[in-house]
Amino acid sequence: MNAPILAPAAVLILWSLIMLAWMAATRLPALPKAGLDLSGAGGRGQDIDPQLPPNVAWKSHNYAHLMEQPTLFYAVVILLTLAGQGDGLNAQLAWAYVGLRIIHSLWQALVNTIPVRFGLFILSSICLLTLSIHLVMATLL
């Protein structure tokens, strides 16, 4: 099976795990500094975000974002592969999506200005929308 579109999906999975490690590496040391006791009953990570420095919380927010819209990307990639449409322009769009999501992650984790972050999100969403349209065309036509 020739499916170059699977490579960008694999890279985005790896990137998500890198963001998980980065989040843990910054969040765990920040908890005691913020006076949060890890030995008691726990809550959800988002419950403690207001008590952490923003640059620590940003990494957590981005990791959560990587668990949201990219799930659609993975489904589209798998279905395009099964439909025999996982190469050419679709593979290029998938790489563009992944590249934009990685840049989005870095921007959110390090700088986090909303206009740039939103622009990156819109551009990646256009890639995903185009891939989704191609998927519908491949499965209905």
N, C-alpha and C. Protein backbone atom coordinates (compact mmCIF):
# COMPACT_ATOMS: atom_id res chain seq x y z
N MET A 1 0.85 -1.18 0.00
CA MET A 1 0.00 0.00 0.00
C MET A 1 0.89 1.24 0.00
N ASN A 2 0.65 2.12 -0.94
CA ASN A 2 1.38 3.37 -1.03
C ASN A 2 0.52 4.45 -0.38
N ALA A 3 0.91 4.88 0.82
CA ALA A 3 0.11 5.87 1.54
C ALA A 3 1.01 6.89 2.23
N PRO A 4 1.60 7.81 1.45
CA PRO A 4 2.48 8.82 2.05
C PRO A 4 1.77 9.69 3.08
N ILE A 5 0.46 9.74 3.04
CA ILE A 5 -0.30 10.58 3.97
C ILE A 5 -0.19 10.07 5.42
N LEU A 6 0.20 8.81 5.58
CA LEU A 6 0.33 8.27 6.94
C LEU A 6 1.52 8.88 7.69
N ALA A 7 2.56 9.28 6.97
CA ALA A 7 3.75 9.83 7.62
C ALA A 7 3.45 11.11 8.40
N PRO A 8 2.73 12.09 7.84
CA PRO A 8 2.43 13.28 8.65
C PRO A 8 1.57 12.95 9.87
N ALA A 9 0.67 11.99 9.74
CA ALA A 9 -0.13 11.59 10.90
C ALA A 9 0.77 11.01 11.99
N ALA A 10 1.74 10.19 11.59
CA ALA A 10 2.67 9.62 12.56
C ALA A 10 3.50 10.71 13.24
N VAL A 11 3.91 11.71 12.47
CA VAL A 11 4.68 12.83 13.03
C VAL A 11 3.83 13.61 14.03
N LEU A 12 2.55 13.81 13.72
CA LEU A 12 1.70 14.55 14.65
C LEU A 12 1.47 13.77 15.93
N ILE A 13 1.38 12.46 15.84
CA ILE A 13 1.27 11.64 17.05
C ILE A 13 2.53 11.81 17.90
N LEU A 14 3.69 11.71 17.28
CA LEU A 14 4.95 11.89 18.01
C LEU A 14 5.02 13.29 18.61
N TRP A 15 4.62 14.31 17.83
CA TRP A 15 4.65 15.67 18.35
C TRP A 15 3.74 15.81 19.58
N SER A 16 2.58 15.18 19.54
CA SER A 16 1.66 15.23 20.67
C SER A 16 2.30 14.66 21.93
N LEU A 17 3.04 13.58 21.75
CA LEU A 17 3.73 12.98 22.90
C LEU A 17 4.89 13.86 23.38
N ILE A 18 5.54 14.54 22.47
CA ILE A 18 6.58 15.50 22.86
C ILE A 18 5.96 16.63 23.68
N MET A 19 4.79 17.11 23.25
CA MET A 19 4.10 18.16 24.02
C MET A 19 3.68 17.64 25.39
N LEU A 20 3.28 16.39 25.48
CA LEU A 20 2.93 15.80 26.77
C LEU A 20 4.14 15.81 27.71
N ALA A 21 5.28 15.41 27.19
CA ALA A 21 6.51 15.41 28.01
C ALA A 21 6.90 16.83 28.40
N TRP A 22 6.79 17.78 27.48
CA TRP A 22 7.12 19.18 27.77
C TRP A 22 6.18 19.73 28.83
N MET A 23 4.90 19.39 28.71
CA MET A 23 3.92 19.84 29.70
C MET A 23 4.29 19.30 31.08
N ALA A 24 4.59 18.02 31.15
CA ALA A 24 4.93 17.41 32.45
C ALA A 24 6.22 18.01 33.01
N ALA A 25 7.19 18.23 32.14
CA ALA A 25 8.49 18.75 32.59
C ALA A 25 8.38 20.18 33.13
N THR A 26 7.41 20.94 32.66
CA THR A 26 7.24 22.30 33.17
C THR A 26 6.20 22.37 34.28
N ARG A 27 5.17 21.54 34.18
CA ARG A 27 4.08 21.62 35.15
C ARG A 27 4.45 21.00 36.50
N LEU A 28 5.05 19.83 36.49
CA LEU A 28 5.35 19.16 37.76
C LEU A 28 6.24 19.99 38.68
N PRO A 29 7.32 20.61 38.18
CA PRO A 29 8.12 21.46 39.08
C PRO A 29 7.38 22.72 39.52
N ALA A 30 6.43 23.17 38.72
CA ALA A 30 5.70 24.40 39.05
C ALA A 30 4.65 24.20 40.14
N LEU A 31 4.18 22.98 40.32
CA LEU A 31 3.13 22.73 41.30
C LEU A 31 3.56 23.07 42.72
N PRO A 32 4.68 22.54 43.20
CA PRO A 32 5.08 22.89 44.57
C PRO A 32 5.41 24.38 44.72
N LYS A 33 5.98 24.98 43.67
CA LYS A 33 6.29 26.41 43.71
C LYS A 33 5.03 27.24 43.87
N ALA A 34 3.91 26.72 43.35
CA ALA A 34 2.63 27.42 43.44
C ALA A 34 1.90 27.07 44.74
N GLY A 35 2.56 26.25 45.58
CA GLY A 35 1.95 25.87 46.85
C GLY A 35 0.88 24.79 46.72
N LEU A 36 0.92 24.04 45.65
CA LEU A 36 -0.07 22.98 45.44
C LEU A 36 0.48 21.66 45.97
N ASP A 37 -0.31 21.00 46.79
CA ASP A 37 0.09 19.72 47.39
C ASP A 37 -0.38 18.59 46.51
N LEU A 38 0.55 17.76 46.08
CA LEU A 38 0.22 16.66 45.18
C LEU A 38 -0.22 15.39 45.91
N SER A 39 -0.16 15.39 47.25
CA SER A 39 -0.46 14.17 47.99
C SER A 39 -1.94 13.98 48.29
N GLY A 40 -2.71 15.01 48.16
CA GLY A 40 -4.13 14.93 48.50
C GLY A 40 -4.98 14.47 47.33
N ALA A 41 -6.28 14.59 47.54
CA ALA A 41 -7.23 14.23 46.48
C ALA A 41 -7.00 15.15 45.28
N GLY A 42 -7.08 14.58 44.14
CA GLY A 42 -6.76 15.34 42.94
C GLY A 42 -7.97 15.93 42.25
N GLY A 43 -7.68 16.82 41.40
CA GLY A 43 -8.69 17.40 40.53
C GLY A 43 -8.18 17.27 39.11
N ARG A 44 -8.80 17.97 38.23
CA ARG A 44 -8.36 17.97 36.85
C ARG A 44 -7.30 19.04 36.67
N GLY A 45 -6.45 18.82 35.67
CA GLY A 45 -5.37 19.76 35.41
C GLY A 45 -5.85 21.17 35.18
N GLN A 46 -6.95 21.30 34.48
CA GLN A 46 -7.46 22.64 34.18
C GLN A 46 -7.92 23.36 35.44
N ASP A 47 -8.21 22.61 36.50
CA ASP A 47 -8.63 23.24 37.76
C ASP A 47 -7.48 23.98 38.44
N ILE A 48 -6.25 23.55 38.16
CA ILE A 48 -5.11 24.20 38.82
C ILE A 48 -4.43 25.25 37.94
N ASP A 49 -4.83 25.31 36.67
CA ASP A 49 -4.20 26.28 35.76
C ASP A 49 -4.19 27.70 36.30
N PRO A 50 -5.28 28.19 36.91
CA PRO A 50 -5.25 29.58 37.40
C PRO A 50 -4.19 29.83 38.47
N GLN A 51 -3.72 28.77 39.12
CA GLN A 51 -2.73 28.92 40.17
C GLN A 51 -1.29 28.78 39.66
N LEU A 52 -1.15 28.48 38.39
CA LEU A 52 0.18 28.31 37.81
C LEU A 52 0.54 29.51 36.94
N PRO A 53 1.82 29.76 36.75
CA PRO A 53 2.22 30.83 35.83
C PRO A 53 1.65 30.56 34.44
N PRO A 54 1.24 31.59 33.72
CA PRO A 54 0.65 31.39 32.40
C PRO A 54 1.51 30.57 31.45
N ASN A 55 2.82 30.81 31.44
CA ASN A 55 3.67 30.09 30.49
C ASN A 55 3.73 28.59 30.81
N VAL A 56 3.40 28.20 32.02
CA VAL A 56 3.30 26.78 32.36
C VAL A 56 1.97 26.22 31.86
N ALA A 57 0.90 26.96 32.10
CA ALA A 57 -0.43 26.51 31.69
C ALA A 57 -0.57 26.43 30.17
N TRP A 58 0.14 27.29 29.44
CA TRP A 58 0.03 27.29 27.99
C TRP A 58 0.35 25.93 27.38
N LYS A 59 1.35 25.26 27.93
CA LYS A 59 1.74 23.95 27.40
C LYS A 59 0.63 22.94 27.61
N SER A 60 -0.01 23.01 28.76
CA SER A 60 -1.14 22.14 29.05
C SER A 60 -2.31 22.41 28.10
N HIS A 61 -2.58 23.68 27.88
CA HIS A 61 -3.67 24.05 26.96
C HIS A 61 -3.38 23.51 25.56
N ASN A 62 -2.12 23.63 25.13
CA ASN A 62 -1.80 23.17 23.79
C ASN A 62 -1.92 21.67 23.69
N TYR A 63 -1.48 20.94 24.71
CA TYR A 63 -1.62 19.48 24.67
C TYR A 63 -3.10 19.11 24.54
N ALA A 64 -3.96 19.80 25.27
CA ALA A 64 -5.41 19.54 25.16
C ALA A 64 -5.88 19.82 23.73
N HIS A 65 -5.38 20.89 23.13
CA HIS A 65 -5.77 21.21 21.75
C HIS A 65 -5.35 20.10 20.78
N LEU A 66 -4.20 19.48 21.05
CA LEU A 66 -3.73 18.40 20.19
C LEU A 66 -4.57 17.14 20.33
N MET A 67 -5.40 17.09 21.35
CA MET A 67 -6.31 15.95 21.53
C MET A 67 -7.70 16.25 20.96
N GLU A 68 -7.88 17.44 20.41
CA GLU A 68 -9.20 17.84 19.91
C GLU A 68 -9.26 17.73 18.38
N GLN A 69 -9.07 18.83 17.66
CA GLN A 69 -9.23 18.82 16.21
C GLN A 69 -8.37 17.77 15.50
N PRO A 70 -7.14 17.52 15.93
CA PRO A 70 -6.36 16.50 15.23
C PRO A 70 -7.00 15.11 15.22
N THR A 71 -7.94 14.83 16.12
CA THR A 71 -8.61 13.53 16.04
C THR A 71 -9.38 13.41 14.73
N LEU A 72 -9.93 14.52 14.26
CA LEU A 72 -10.58 14.51 12.94
C LEU A 72 -9.55 14.27 11.84
N PHE A 73 -8.38 14.89 11.99
CA PHE A 73 -7.30 14.72 11.02
C PHE A 73 -6.93 13.24 10.90
N TYR A 74 -6.78 12.55 12.03
CA TYR A 74 -6.41 11.14 11.99
C TYR A 74 -7.48 10.31 11.26
N ALA A 75 -8.74 10.60 11.53
CA ALA A 75 -9.82 9.87 10.86
C ALA A 75 -9.79 10.13 9.36
N VAL A 76 -9.61 11.39 8.97
CA VAL A 76 -9.56 11.74 7.55
C VAL A 76 -8.38 11.04 6.88
N VAL A 77 -7.23 11.04 7.53
CA VAL A 77 -6.04 10.38 6.96
C VAL A 77 -6.29 8.89 6.76
N ILE A 78 -6.85 8.23 7.75
CA ILE A 78 -7.11 6.79 7.64
C ILE A 78 -8.10 6.52 6.50
N LEU A 79 -9.17 7.30 6.44
CA LEU A 79 -10.18 7.08 5.41
C LEU A 79 -9.65 7.41 4.01
N LEU A 80 -8.85 8.46 3.88
CA LEU A 80 -8.24 8.75 2.59
C LEU A 80 -7.31 7.61 2.16
N THR A 81 -6.58 7.06 3.12
CA THR A 81 -5.70 5.92 2.82
C THR A 81 -6.52 4.74 2.34
N LEU A 82 -7.60 4.43 3.05
CA LEU A 82 -8.45 3.30 2.65
C LEU A 82 -9.10 3.52 1.29
N ALA A 83 -9.38 4.79 0.97
CA ALA A 83 -9.97 5.12 -0.32
C ALA A 83 -8.93 5.19 -1.44
N GLY A 84 -7.67 4.96 -1.11
CA GLY A 84 -6.62 5.01 -2.12
C GLY A 84 -6.24 6.42 -2.53
N GLN A 85 -6.51 7.40 -1.65
CA GLN A 85 -6.26 8.81 -1.96
C GLN A 85 -5.24 9.42 -0.99
N GLY A 86 -4.30 8.61 -0.53
CA GLY A 86 -3.35 9.08 0.47
C GLY A 86 -2.03 9.55 -0.09
N ASP A 87 -2.04 10.10 -1.30
CA ASP A 87 -0.79 10.59 -1.89
C ASP A 87 -1.04 11.94 -2.55
N GLY A 88 -0.06 12.42 -3.28
CA GLY A 88 -0.20 13.65 -4.05
C GLY A 88 -0.59 14.85 -3.21
N LEU A 89 -1.58 15.60 -3.69
CA LEU A 89 -2.02 16.81 -3.02
C LEU A 89 -2.50 16.52 -1.60
N ASN A 90 -3.17 15.39 -1.40
CA ASN A 90 -3.66 15.08 -0.05
C ASN A 90 -2.50 14.89 0.93
N ALA A 91 -1.45 14.25 0.51
CA ALA A 91 -0.28 14.09 1.37
C ALA A 91 0.37 15.45 1.65
N GLN A 92 0.42 16.30 0.63
CA GLN A 92 0.99 17.64 0.83
C GLN A 92 0.13 18.46 1.80
N LEU A 93 -1.17 18.37 1.67
CA LEU A 93 -2.06 19.08 2.60
C LEU A 93 -1.90 18.55 4.02
N ALA A 94 -1.71 17.24 4.14
CA ALA A 94 -1.51 16.64 5.46
C ALA A 94 -0.22 17.16 6.10
N TRP A 95 0.85 17.24 5.30
CA TRP A 95 2.11 17.79 5.81
C TRP A 95 1.93 19.25 6.20
N ALA A 96 1.19 20.01 5.41
CA ALA A 96 0.94 21.41 5.75
C ALA A 96 0.17 21.50 7.06
N TYR A 97 -0.84 20.66 7.23
CA TYR A 97 -1.62 20.65 8.47
C TYR A 97 -0.71 20.38 9.67
N VAL A 98 0.11 19.36 9.55
CA VAL A 98 1.00 18.98 10.66
C VAL A 98 2.02 20.08 10.93
N GLY A 99 2.62 20.63 9.90
CA GLY A 99 3.57 21.72 10.09
C GLY A 99 2.94 22.91 10.79
N LEU A 100 1.74 23.27 10.36
CA LEU A 100 1.04 24.40 10.99
C LEU A 100 0.67 24.09 12.43
N ARG A 101 0.29 22.84 12.72
CA ARG A 101 -0.05 22.48 14.10
C ARG A 101 1.19 22.52 15.01
N ILE A 102 2.33 22.11 14.48
CA ILE A 102 3.57 22.17 15.27
C ILE A 102 3.95 23.62 15.52
N ILE A 103 3.87 24.45 14.50
CA ILE A 103 4.16 25.88 14.69
C ILE A 103 3.17 26.48 15.69
N HIS A 104 1.90 26.10 15.57
CA HIS A 104 0.87 26.56 16.51
C HIS A 104 1.24 26.16 17.94
N SER A 105 1.68 24.92 18.12
CA SER A 105 2.08 24.44 19.44
C SER A 105 3.23 25.27 20.00
N LEU A 106 4.24 25.47 19.19
CA LEU A 106 5.40 26.23 19.65
C LEU A 106 5.00 27.67 19.98
N TRP A 107 4.17 28.25 19.13
CA TRP A 107 3.73 29.63 19.38
C TRP A 107 2.94 29.71 20.68
N GLN A 108 2.00 28.78 20.86
CA GLN A 108 1.18 28.82 22.07
C GLN A 108 2.01 28.55 23.32
N ALA A 109 2.95 27.63 23.24
CA ALA A 109 3.74 27.27 24.40
C ALA A 109 4.77 28.33 24.79
N LEU A 110 5.22 29.11 23.81
CA LEU A 110 6.31 30.05 24.08
C LEU A 110 5.91 31.52 24.07
N VAL A 111 4.98 31.92 23.21
CA VAL A 111 4.64 33.33 23.04
C VAL A 111 3.17 33.59 23.38
N ASN A 112 2.32 32.85 22.73
CA ASN A 112 0.88 32.81 22.98
C ASN A 112 0.15 34.12 22.74
N THR A 113 0.49 34.82 21.68
CA THR A 113 -0.34 35.95 21.29
C THR A 113 -1.47 35.42 20.42
N ILE A 114 -2.68 35.84 20.74
CA ILE A 114 -3.87 35.27 20.13
C ILE A 114 -3.97 35.50 18.62
N PRO A 115 -3.71 36.70 18.08
CA PRO A 115 -3.89 36.87 16.63
C PRO A 115 -3.04 35.91 15.79
N VAL A 116 -1.79 35.72 16.17
CA VAL A 116 -0.93 34.80 15.40
C VAL A 116 -1.41 33.37 15.60
N ARG A 117 -1.70 33.01 16.84
CA ARG A 117 -2.17 31.66 17.13
C ARG A 117 -3.46 31.36 16.37
N PHE A 118 -4.37 32.29 16.35
CA PHE A 118 -5.63 32.11 15.64
C PHE A 118 -5.40 31.97 14.14
N GLY A 119 -4.49 32.77 13.60
CA GLY A 119 -4.16 32.66 12.18
C GLY A 119 -3.62 31.28 11.83
N LEU A 120 -2.74 30.76 12.67
CA LEU A 120 -2.20 29.42 12.45
C LEU A 120 -3.30 28.37 12.53
N PHE A 121 -4.20 28.55 13.48
CA PHE A 121 -5.33 27.62 13.62
C PHE A 121 -6.21 27.65 12.37
N ILE A 122 -6.51 28.84 11.88
CA ILE A 122 -7.35 28.97 10.69
C ILE A 122 -6.68 28.30 9.48
N LEU A 123 -5.39 28.58 9.28
CA LEU A 123 -4.68 27.97 8.15
C LEU A 123 -4.69 26.44 8.23
N SER A 124 -4.44 25.90 9.43
CA SER A 124 -4.45 24.44 9.57
C SER A 124 -5.86 23.90 9.36
N SER A 125 -6.87 24.65 9.83
CA SER A 125 -8.26 24.22 9.64
C SER A 125 -8.65 24.20 8.17
N ILE A 126 -8.11 25.14 7.39
CA ILE A 126 -8.37 25.14 5.94
C ILE A 126 -7.78 23.89 5.30
N CYS A 127 -6.59 23.51 5.74
CA CYS A 127 -5.99 22.26 5.23
C CYS A 127 -6.89 21.07 5.56
N LEU A 128 -7.37 21.00 6.80
CA LEU A 128 -8.22 19.89 7.21
C LEU A 128 -9.55 19.91 6.47
N LEU A 129 -10.11 21.08 6.28
CA LEU A 129 -11.36 21.20 5.53
C LEU A 129 -11.18 20.70 4.10
N THR A 130 -10.08 21.09 3.48
CA THR A 130 -9.82 20.66 2.11
C THR A 130 -9.64 19.14 2.04
N LEU A 131 -8.90 18.59 3.00
CA LEU A 131 -8.75 17.13 3.05
C LEU A 131 -10.11 16.45 3.24
N SER A 132 -10.95 17.04 4.06
CA SER A 132 -12.28 16.46 4.31
C SER A 132 -13.15 16.50 3.06
N ILE A 133 -13.06 17.60 2.32
CA ILE A 133 -13.80 17.69 1.06
C ILE A 133 -13.30 16.64 0.08
N HIS A 134 -11.98 16.46 0.02
CA HIS A 134 -11.41 15.44 -0.86
C HIS A 134 -11.89 14.05 -0.43
N LEU A 135 -12.01 13.84 0.88
CA LEU A 135 -12.50 12.55 1.38
C LEU A 135 -13.94 12.31 0.96
N VAL A 136 -14.77 13.32 1.09
CA VAL A 136 -16.17 13.16 0.67
C VAL A 136 -16.23 12.88 -0.83
N MET A 137 -15.45 13.58 -1.59
CA MET A 137 -15.43 13.34 -3.05
C MET A 137 -14.95 11.92 -3.36
N ALA A 138 -13.95 11.45 -2.63
CA ALA A 138 -13.42 10.11 -2.88
C ALA A 138 -14.40 9.02 -2.49
N THR A 139 -15.22 9.28 -1.50
CA THR A 139 -16.13 8.24 -1.04
C THR A 139 -17.50 8.29 -1.69
N LEU A 140 -17.90 9.44 -2.20
CA LEU A 140 -19.22 9.56 -2.83
C LEU A 140 -19.19 9.48 -4.35
N LEU A 141 -18.06 9.82 -4.93
CA LEU A 141 -18.01 9.85 -6.40
C LEU A 141 -17.37 8.61 -6.97
